[in-house]
Amino acid sequence: MASEKRHNFIDSIIGGACTIHGVVKFSGGLRVDGRIFGNVEEEPAGSGYLHLSSRGRIEGDVRVAHIVVGGEIIGNLHAAVMVELQPRARITGDVHYSALAMQAGAAVTGKLSPWADPAGQRQQPLLKLARADAA
């Protein structure tokens, strides 16, 4: 997993003292240490990397290609490529994924569903359980 993160660069940061109300649209990489009350979306679709730190919280739906969740999401998560749930990750909502790595301690209250392509065909998902000491 560490090698996957190296090619994802952070272009923007929402700091821990920042609270945003409304839709957040971003391109490239975004790190969230603060709070967002609204949906988070990448532009163009399929190109974004989101890192939600253990201090971060999003209350809204999230649509990205790659995401690392260390904090809390209250809403549905749609990740076209990869979801990594760290030990303190908390998601209240459905998670749609192509690949999922979940470390011990992470919690999802909702459905885990493999990503469907635009034609409605379900892809064969990749599930990976990571040991907490492997990080």
N, C-alpha and C. Protein backbone atom coordinates (compact mmCIF):
# COMPACT_ATOMS: atom_id res chain seq x y z
N MET A 1 0.81 -1.19 0.00
CA MET A 1 0.00 0.00 0.00
C MET A 1 0.86 1.26 0.00
N ALA A 2 2.01 1.23 0.67
CA ALA A 2 2.84 2.43 0.71
C ALA A 2 3.29 2.84 -0.68
N SER A 3 3.61 1.88 -1.54
CA SER A 3 4.05 2.22 -2.89
C SER A 3 2.93 2.84 -3.71
N GLU A 4 1.66 2.47 -3.42
CA GLU A 4 0.53 3.05 -4.13
C GLU A 4 0.39 4.53 -3.80
N LYS A 5 0.70 4.92 -2.55
CA LYS A 5 0.52 6.29 -2.12
C LYS A 5 1.58 7.22 -2.69
N ARG A 6 2.76 6.71 -3.01
CA ARG A 6 3.86 7.56 -3.44
C ARG A 6 3.57 8.32 -4.73
N HIS A 7 2.75 7.76 -5.61
CA HIS A 7 2.48 8.46 -6.86
C HIS A 7 1.32 9.44 -6.75
N ASN A 8 0.73 9.55 -5.58
CA ASN A 8 -0.38 10.48 -5.37
C ASN A 8 0.13 11.71 -4.63
N PHE A 9 0.10 12.86 -5.29
CA PHE A 9 0.61 14.08 -4.71
C PHE A 9 -0.55 14.94 -4.18
N ILE A 10 -0.29 15.65 -3.11
CA ILE A 10 -1.28 16.55 -2.52
C ILE A 10 -1.08 17.93 -3.11
N ASP A 11 -2.13 18.45 -3.77
CA ASP A 11 -2.08 19.79 -4.34
C ASP A 11 -2.72 20.82 -3.41
N SER A 12 -3.69 20.37 -2.61
CA SER A 12 -4.45 21.29 -1.76
C SER A 12 -4.66 20.66 -0.38
N ILE A 13 -4.75 21.53 0.65
CA ILE A 13 -4.97 21.07 2.01
C ILE A 13 -6.10 21.89 2.63
N ILE A 14 -7.01 21.19 3.30
CA ILE A 14 -8.02 21.85 4.12
C ILE A 14 -7.58 21.60 5.56
N GLY A 15 -7.08 22.64 6.20
CA GLY A 15 -6.47 22.52 7.52
C GLY A 15 -7.44 22.17 8.63
N GLY A 16 -6.89 21.74 9.76
CA GLY A 16 -7.67 21.31 10.90
C GLY A 16 -8.56 22.39 11.49
N ALA A 17 -8.20 23.65 11.32
CA ALA A 17 -9.00 24.74 11.86
C ALA A 17 -10.05 25.23 10.86
N CYS A 18 -10.18 24.56 9.73
CA CYS A 18 -11.07 24.99 8.66
C CYS A 18 -12.35 24.15 8.63
N THR A 19 -13.50 24.83 8.47
CA THR A 19 -14.78 24.17 8.27
C THR A 19 -15.38 24.73 6.99
N ILE A 20 -15.82 23.84 6.10
CA ILE A 20 -16.41 24.26 4.83
C ILE A 20 -17.84 23.76 4.77
N HIS A 21 -18.76 24.65 4.39
CA HIS A 21 -20.16 24.30 4.17
C HIS A 21 -20.43 24.46 2.68
N GLY A 22 -20.73 23.35 2.00
CA GLY A 22 -21.00 23.40 0.57
C GLY A 22 -20.22 22.33 -0.18
N VAL A 23 -20.44 22.27 -1.46
CA VAL A 23 -19.80 21.27 -2.31
C VAL A 23 -18.33 21.64 -2.52
N VAL A 24 -17.45 20.65 -2.39
CA VAL A 24 -16.03 20.85 -2.64
C VAL A 24 -15.67 20.06 -3.89
N LYS A 25 -15.17 20.76 -4.93
CA LYS A 25 -14.71 20.12 -6.16
C LYS A 25 -13.22 20.40 -6.28
N PHE A 26 -12.46 19.34 -6.58
CA PHE A 26 -11.02 19.50 -6.63
C PHE A 26 -10.43 18.68 -7.77
N SER A 27 -9.21 19.02 -8.16
CA SER A 27 -8.46 18.20 -9.11
C SER A 27 -7.12 17.89 -8.47
N GLY A 28 -6.50 16.80 -8.89
CA GLY A 28 -5.23 16.41 -8.30
C GLY A 28 -5.44 15.74 -6.96
N GLY A 29 -4.63 16.15 -5.97
CA GLY A 29 -4.71 15.55 -4.64
C GLY A 29 -5.19 16.54 -3.61
N LEU A 30 -6.01 16.05 -2.69
CA LEU A 30 -6.57 16.89 -1.62
C LEU A 30 -6.41 16.17 -0.29
N ARG A 31 -5.87 16.87 0.69
CA ARG A 31 -5.79 16.36 2.06
C ARG A 31 -6.77 17.15 2.91
N VAL A 32 -7.58 16.44 3.71
CA VAL A 32 -8.57 17.09 4.57
C VAL A 32 -8.24 16.76 6.02
N ASP A 33 -7.88 17.80 6.76
CA ASP A 33 -7.67 17.69 8.21
C ASP A 33 -8.82 18.34 8.96
N GLY A 34 -9.61 19.14 8.27
CA GLY A 34 -10.73 19.86 8.87
C GLY A 34 -12.06 19.16 8.64
N ARG A 35 -13.13 19.97 8.57
CA ARG A 35 -14.48 19.44 8.40
C ARG A 35 -15.12 19.99 7.14
N ILE A 36 -15.83 19.11 6.44
CA ILE A 36 -16.58 19.52 5.26
C ILE A 36 -18.02 19.06 5.45
N PHE A 37 -18.94 20.00 5.34
CA PHE A 37 -20.37 19.70 5.39
C PHE A 37 -20.92 19.90 3.98
N GLY A 38 -20.85 18.86 3.18
CA GLY A 38 -21.25 18.91 1.78
C GLY A 38 -20.53 17.82 1.01
N ASN A 39 -20.92 17.64 -0.22
CA ASN A 39 -20.32 16.60 -1.06
C ASN A 39 -18.91 16.99 -1.48
N VAL A 40 -18.08 15.97 -1.72
CA VAL A 40 -16.71 16.16 -2.19
C VAL A 40 -16.58 15.39 -3.49
N GLU A 41 -16.14 16.09 -4.57
CA GLU A 41 -16.06 15.48 -5.90
C GLU A 41 -14.76 15.88 -6.59
N GLU A 42 -14.21 14.94 -7.35
CA GLU A 42 -13.03 15.23 -8.15
C GLU A 42 -13.45 15.73 -9.53
N GLU A 43 -12.57 16.52 -10.15
CA GLU A 43 -12.77 16.96 -11.54
C GLU A 43 -11.43 16.93 -12.24
N PRO A 44 -11.29 16.26 -13.33
CA PRO A 44 -12.28 15.42 -14.00
C PRO A 44 -12.45 14.09 -13.27
N ALA A 45 -13.56 13.46 -13.51
CA ALA A 45 -13.89 12.19 -12.84
C ALA A 45 -12.82 11.15 -13.11
N GLY A 46 -12.48 10.38 -12.08
CA GLY A 46 -11.52 9.30 -12.22
C GLY A 46 -10.07 9.70 -12.06
N SER A 47 -9.82 10.96 -11.65
CA SER A 47 -8.43 11.42 -11.61
C SER A 47 -7.97 11.87 -10.23
N GLY A 48 -8.85 11.94 -9.25
CA GLY A 48 -8.50 12.56 -7.98
C GLY A 48 -8.01 11.60 -6.91
N TYR A 49 -7.23 12.17 -5.97
CA TYR A 49 -6.73 11.45 -4.81
C TYR A 49 -7.12 12.26 -3.58
N LEU A 50 -7.79 11.62 -2.64
CA LEU A 50 -8.25 12.29 -1.41
C LEU A 50 -7.66 11.57 -0.22
N HIS A 51 -7.06 12.33 0.68
CA HIS A 51 -6.57 11.78 1.94
C HIS A 51 -7.33 12.48 3.06
N LEU A 52 -8.17 11.72 3.75
CA LEU A 52 -8.92 12.23 4.91
C LEU A 52 -8.16 11.79 6.14
N SER A 53 -7.52 12.73 6.83
CA SER A 53 -6.69 12.37 7.98
C SER A 53 -7.55 11.93 9.15
N SER A 54 -6.91 11.43 10.19
CA SER A 54 -7.64 10.95 11.36
C SER A 54 -8.38 12.08 12.07
N ARG A 55 -8.00 13.34 11.82
CA ARG A 55 -8.71 14.50 12.39
C ARG A 55 -9.82 15.01 11.49
N GLY A 56 -9.86 14.53 10.24
CA GLY A 56 -10.81 15.04 9.26
C GLY A 56 -12.18 14.39 9.34
N ARG A 57 -13.18 15.14 8.86
CA ARG A 57 -14.56 14.65 8.86
C ARG A 57 -15.28 15.23 7.65
N ILE A 58 -16.03 14.36 6.95
CA ILE A 58 -16.84 14.80 5.82
C ILE A 58 -18.27 14.32 6.07
N GLU A 59 -19.20 15.25 6.01
CA GLU A 59 -20.62 14.91 6.10
C GLU A 59 -21.23 15.21 4.74
N GLY A 60 -21.24 14.22 3.89
CA GLY A 60 -21.73 14.34 2.53
C GLY A 60 -21.19 13.19 1.72
N ASP A 61 -21.64 13.06 0.50
CA ASP A 61 -21.18 11.99 -0.38
C ASP A 61 -19.81 12.34 -0.96
N VAL A 62 -19.00 11.32 -1.18
CA VAL A 62 -17.65 11.50 -1.70
C VAL A 62 -17.51 10.68 -2.98
N ARG A 63 -17.01 11.32 -4.06
CA ARG A 63 -16.78 10.64 -5.34
C ARG A 63 -15.36 10.96 -5.80
N VAL A 64 -14.50 9.92 -5.75
CA VAL A 64 -13.09 10.07 -6.12
C VAL A 64 -12.59 8.79 -6.78
N ALA A 65 -11.39 8.85 -7.32
CA ALA A 65 -10.75 7.65 -7.85
C ALA A 65 -10.06 6.89 -6.72
N HIS A 66 -9.18 7.58 -6.00
CA HIS A 66 -8.41 6.98 -4.91
C HIS A 66 -8.73 7.72 -3.62
N ILE A 67 -8.86 6.98 -2.51
CA ILE A 67 -9.08 7.63 -1.22
C ILE A 67 -8.41 6.84 -0.11
N VAL A 68 -7.80 7.57 0.81
CA VAL A 68 -7.29 7.01 2.06
C VAL A 68 -8.12 7.65 3.16
N VAL A 69 -8.78 6.83 3.97
CA VAL A 69 -9.65 7.34 5.02
C VAL A 69 -9.03 7.02 6.37
N GLY A 70 -8.71 8.08 7.10
CA GLY A 70 -8.22 7.93 8.46
C GLY A 70 -9.21 8.50 9.45
N GLY A 71 -10.13 9.32 8.96
CA GLY A 71 -11.11 10.00 9.80
C GLY A 71 -12.52 9.46 9.59
N GLU A 72 -13.49 10.36 9.50
CA GLU A 72 -14.90 9.95 9.46
C GLU A 72 -15.62 10.52 8.24
N ILE A 73 -16.40 9.65 7.61
CA ILE A 73 -17.29 10.06 6.52
C ILE A 73 -18.70 9.66 6.91
N ILE A 74 -19.60 10.62 6.87
CA ILE A 74 -21.02 10.34 7.07
C ILE A 74 -21.68 10.64 5.73
N GLY A 75 -21.86 9.61 4.95
CA GLY A 75 -22.37 9.73 3.59
C GLY A 75 -21.85 8.58 2.78
N ASN A 76 -22.28 8.48 1.55
CA ASN A 76 -21.85 7.39 0.67
C ASN A 76 -20.51 7.72 0.03
N LEU A 77 -19.70 6.67 -0.15
CA LEU A 77 -18.38 6.82 -0.75
C LEU A 77 -18.35 6.03 -2.05
N HIS A 78 -17.95 6.70 -3.13
CA HIS A 78 -17.81 6.08 -4.45
C HIS A 78 -16.36 6.26 -4.88
N ALA A 79 -15.59 5.15 -4.92
CA ALA A 79 -14.19 5.21 -5.32
C ALA A 79 -13.98 4.31 -6.53
N ALA A 80 -13.67 4.93 -7.66
CA ALA A 80 -13.54 4.19 -8.91
C ALA A 80 -12.34 3.26 -8.93
N VAL A 81 -11.30 3.56 -8.16
CA VAL A 81 -10.08 2.76 -8.23
C VAL A 81 -9.77 2.09 -6.88
N MET A 82 -9.52 2.86 -5.81
CA MET A 82 -9.01 2.28 -4.57
C MET A 82 -9.54 2.99 -3.34
N VAL A 83 -9.92 2.20 -2.34
CA VAL A 83 -10.28 2.70 -1.01
C VAL A 83 -9.33 2.05 -0.02
N GLU A 84 -8.68 2.87 0.81
CA GLU A 84 -7.86 2.36 1.90
C GLU A 84 -8.44 2.90 3.20
N LEU A 85 -8.86 1.99 4.08
CA LEU A 85 -9.41 2.38 5.38
C LEU A 85 -8.37 2.11 6.46
N GLN A 86 -7.92 3.18 7.10
CA GLN A 86 -6.93 3.07 8.15
C GLN A 86 -7.62 2.71 9.48
N PRO A 87 -6.84 2.39 10.53
CA PRO A 87 -7.43 1.89 11.77
C PRO A 87 -8.49 2.78 12.41
N ARG A 88 -8.40 4.08 12.28
CA ARG A 88 -9.39 4.99 12.90
C ARG A 88 -10.51 5.40 11.95
N ALA A 89 -10.53 4.83 10.77
CA ALA A 89 -11.56 5.18 9.77
C ALA A 89 -12.95 4.78 10.27
N ARG A 90 -13.90 5.68 10.06
CA ARG A 90 -15.30 5.42 10.38
C ARG A 90 -16.13 5.92 9.22
N ILE A 91 -16.93 5.03 8.63
CA ILE A 91 -17.81 5.42 7.54
C ILE A 91 -19.22 4.99 7.89
N THR A 92 -20.13 5.96 7.86
CA THR A 92 -21.55 5.69 8.04
C THR A 92 -22.20 5.98 6.70
N GLY A 93 -22.38 4.93 5.92
CA GLY A 93 -22.91 5.05 4.56
C GLY A 93 -22.39 3.89 3.74
N ASP A 94 -22.84 3.81 2.52
CA ASP A 94 -22.44 2.73 1.62
C ASP A 94 -21.11 3.05 0.96
N VAL A 95 -20.29 2.01 0.74
CA VAL A 95 -18.99 2.16 0.11
C VAL A 95 -19.00 1.39 -1.20
N HIS A 96 -18.79 2.09 -2.31
CA HIS A 96 -18.71 1.49 -3.65
C HIS A 96 -17.25 1.56 -4.07
N TYR A 97 -16.66 0.44 -4.46
CA TYR A 97 -15.21 0.37 -4.66
C TYR A 97 -14.85 -0.58 -5.78
N SER A 98 -13.64 -0.42 -6.32
CA SER A 98 -13.03 -1.41 -7.21
C SER A 98 -12.05 -2.25 -6.42
N ALA A 99 -11.27 -1.60 -5.56
CA ALA A 99 -10.32 -2.29 -4.68
C ALA A 99 -10.45 -1.69 -3.29
N LEU A 100 -10.37 -2.54 -2.27
CA LEU A 100 -10.57 -2.10 -0.89
C LEU A 100 -9.51 -2.72 0.00
N ALA A 101 -8.79 -1.88 0.75
CA ALA A 101 -7.85 -2.34 1.76
C ALA A 101 -8.35 -1.80 3.09
N MET A 102 -8.52 -2.68 4.05
CA MET A 102 -9.11 -2.29 5.33
C MET A 102 -8.23 -2.79 6.46
N GLN A 103 -7.73 -1.86 7.28
CA GLN A 103 -6.89 -2.24 8.40
C GLN A 103 -7.75 -2.53 9.63
N ALA A 104 -7.22 -3.33 10.55
CA ALA A 104 -7.92 -3.66 11.79
C ALA A 104 -8.26 -2.39 12.55
N GLY A 105 -9.50 -2.31 13.00
CA GLY A 105 -9.97 -1.14 13.74
C GLY A 105 -10.90 -0.25 12.92
N ALA A 106 -10.80 -0.30 11.60
CA ALA A 106 -11.67 0.49 10.73
C ALA A 106 -13.09 -0.05 10.82
N ALA A 107 -14.08 0.85 10.67
CA ALA A 107 -15.48 0.43 10.77
C ALA A 107 -16.31 1.07 9.67
N VAL A 108 -17.19 0.26 9.08
CA VAL A 108 -18.14 0.73 8.08
C VAL A 108 -19.53 0.32 8.53
N THR A 109 -20.42 1.31 8.65
CA THR A 109 -21.83 1.04 8.95
C THR A 109 -22.58 1.34 7.67
N GLY A 110 -22.78 0.31 6.87
CA GLY A 110 -23.40 0.45 5.56
C GLY A 110 -23.00 -0.73 4.71
N LYS A 111 -23.34 -0.68 3.44
CA LYS A 111 -23.03 -1.78 2.51
C LYS A 111 -21.69 -1.55 1.84
N LEU A 112 -20.97 -2.65 1.62
CA LEU A 112 -19.77 -2.64 0.79
C LEU A 112 -20.18 -3.23 -0.55
N SER A 113 -20.08 -2.44 -1.61
CA SER A 113 -20.53 -2.89 -2.93
C SER A 113 -19.43 -2.70 -3.96
N PRO A 114 -19.16 -3.74 -4.76
CA PRO A 114 -18.18 -3.58 -5.84
C PRO A 114 -18.68 -2.57 -6.86
N TRP A 115 -17.73 -1.86 -7.45
CA TRP A 115 -18.03 -0.81 -8.44
C TRP A 115 -18.71 -1.41 -9.65
N ALA A 116 -19.70 -0.73 -10.18
CA ALA A 116 -20.36 -1.14 -11.43
C ALA A 116 -19.88 -0.22 -12.54
N ASP A 117 -19.58 -0.78 -13.69
CA ASP A 117 -19.18 0.06 -14.82
C ASP A 117 -20.43 0.76 -15.38
N PRO A 118 -20.26 1.73 -16.28
CA PRO A 118 -21.41 2.47 -16.79
C PRO A 118 -22.50 1.60 -17.41
N ALA A 119 -22.17 0.41 -17.89
CA ALA A 119 -23.17 -0.48 -18.47
C ALA A 119 -23.92 -1.27 -17.39
N GLY A 120 -23.57 -1.03 -16.12
CA GLY A 120 -24.24 -1.71 -15.02
C GLY A 120 -23.65 -3.06 -14.68
N GLN A 121 -22.55 -3.43 -15.33
CA GLN A 121 -21.89 -4.71 -15.06
C GLN A 121 -21.03 -4.57 -13.81
N ARG A 122 -21.13 -5.50 -12.89
CA ARG A 122 -20.30 -5.49 -11.70
C ARG A 122 -18.92 -6.04 -12.02
N GLN A 123 -17.91 -5.36 -11.53
CA GLN A 123 -16.55 -5.84 -11.70
C GLN A 123 -16.22 -6.82 -10.58
N GLN A 124 -15.25 -7.67 -10.81
CA GLN A 124 -14.76 -8.56 -9.76
C GLN A 124 -13.93 -7.71 -8.82
N PRO A 125 -14.35 -7.54 -7.55
CA PRO A 125 -13.64 -6.65 -6.63
C PRO A 125 -12.35 -7.27 -6.10
N LEU A 126 -11.45 -6.40 -5.68
CA LEU A 126 -10.24 -6.81 -5.00
C LEU A 126 -10.38 -6.41 -3.55
N LEU A 127 -10.36 -7.37 -2.65
CA LEU A 127 -10.43 -7.10 -1.21
C LEU A 127 -9.09 -7.45 -0.60
N LYS A 128 -8.63 -6.59 0.28
CA LYS A 128 -7.35 -6.81 0.91
C LYS A 128 -7.46 -6.39 2.36
N LEU A 129 -7.25 -7.32 3.29
CA LEU A 129 -7.22 -6.99 4.70
C LEU A 129 -5.78 -6.79 5.11
N ALA A 130 -5.51 -5.65 5.70
CA ALA A 130 -4.14 -5.32 6.06
C ALA A 130 -3.94 -5.46 7.57
N ARG A 131 -2.81 -5.99 7.93
CA ARG A 131 -2.48 -6.06 9.35
C ARG A 131 -2.08 -4.68 9.83
N ALA A 132 -2.45 -4.34 11.07
CA ALA A 132 -2.14 -3.03 11.63
C ALA A 132 -0.63 -2.82 11.74
N ASP A 133 0.14 -3.88 11.99
CA ASP A 133 1.58 -3.74 12.14
C ASP A 133 2.33 -3.72 10.82
N ALA A 134 1.59 -3.84 9.69
CA ALA A 134 2.20 -3.84 8.36
C ALA A 134 2.45 -2.44 7.84
N ALA A 135 1.89 -1.43 8.49
CA ALA A 135 1.99 -0.04 8.02
C ALA A 135 3.34 0.56 8.18
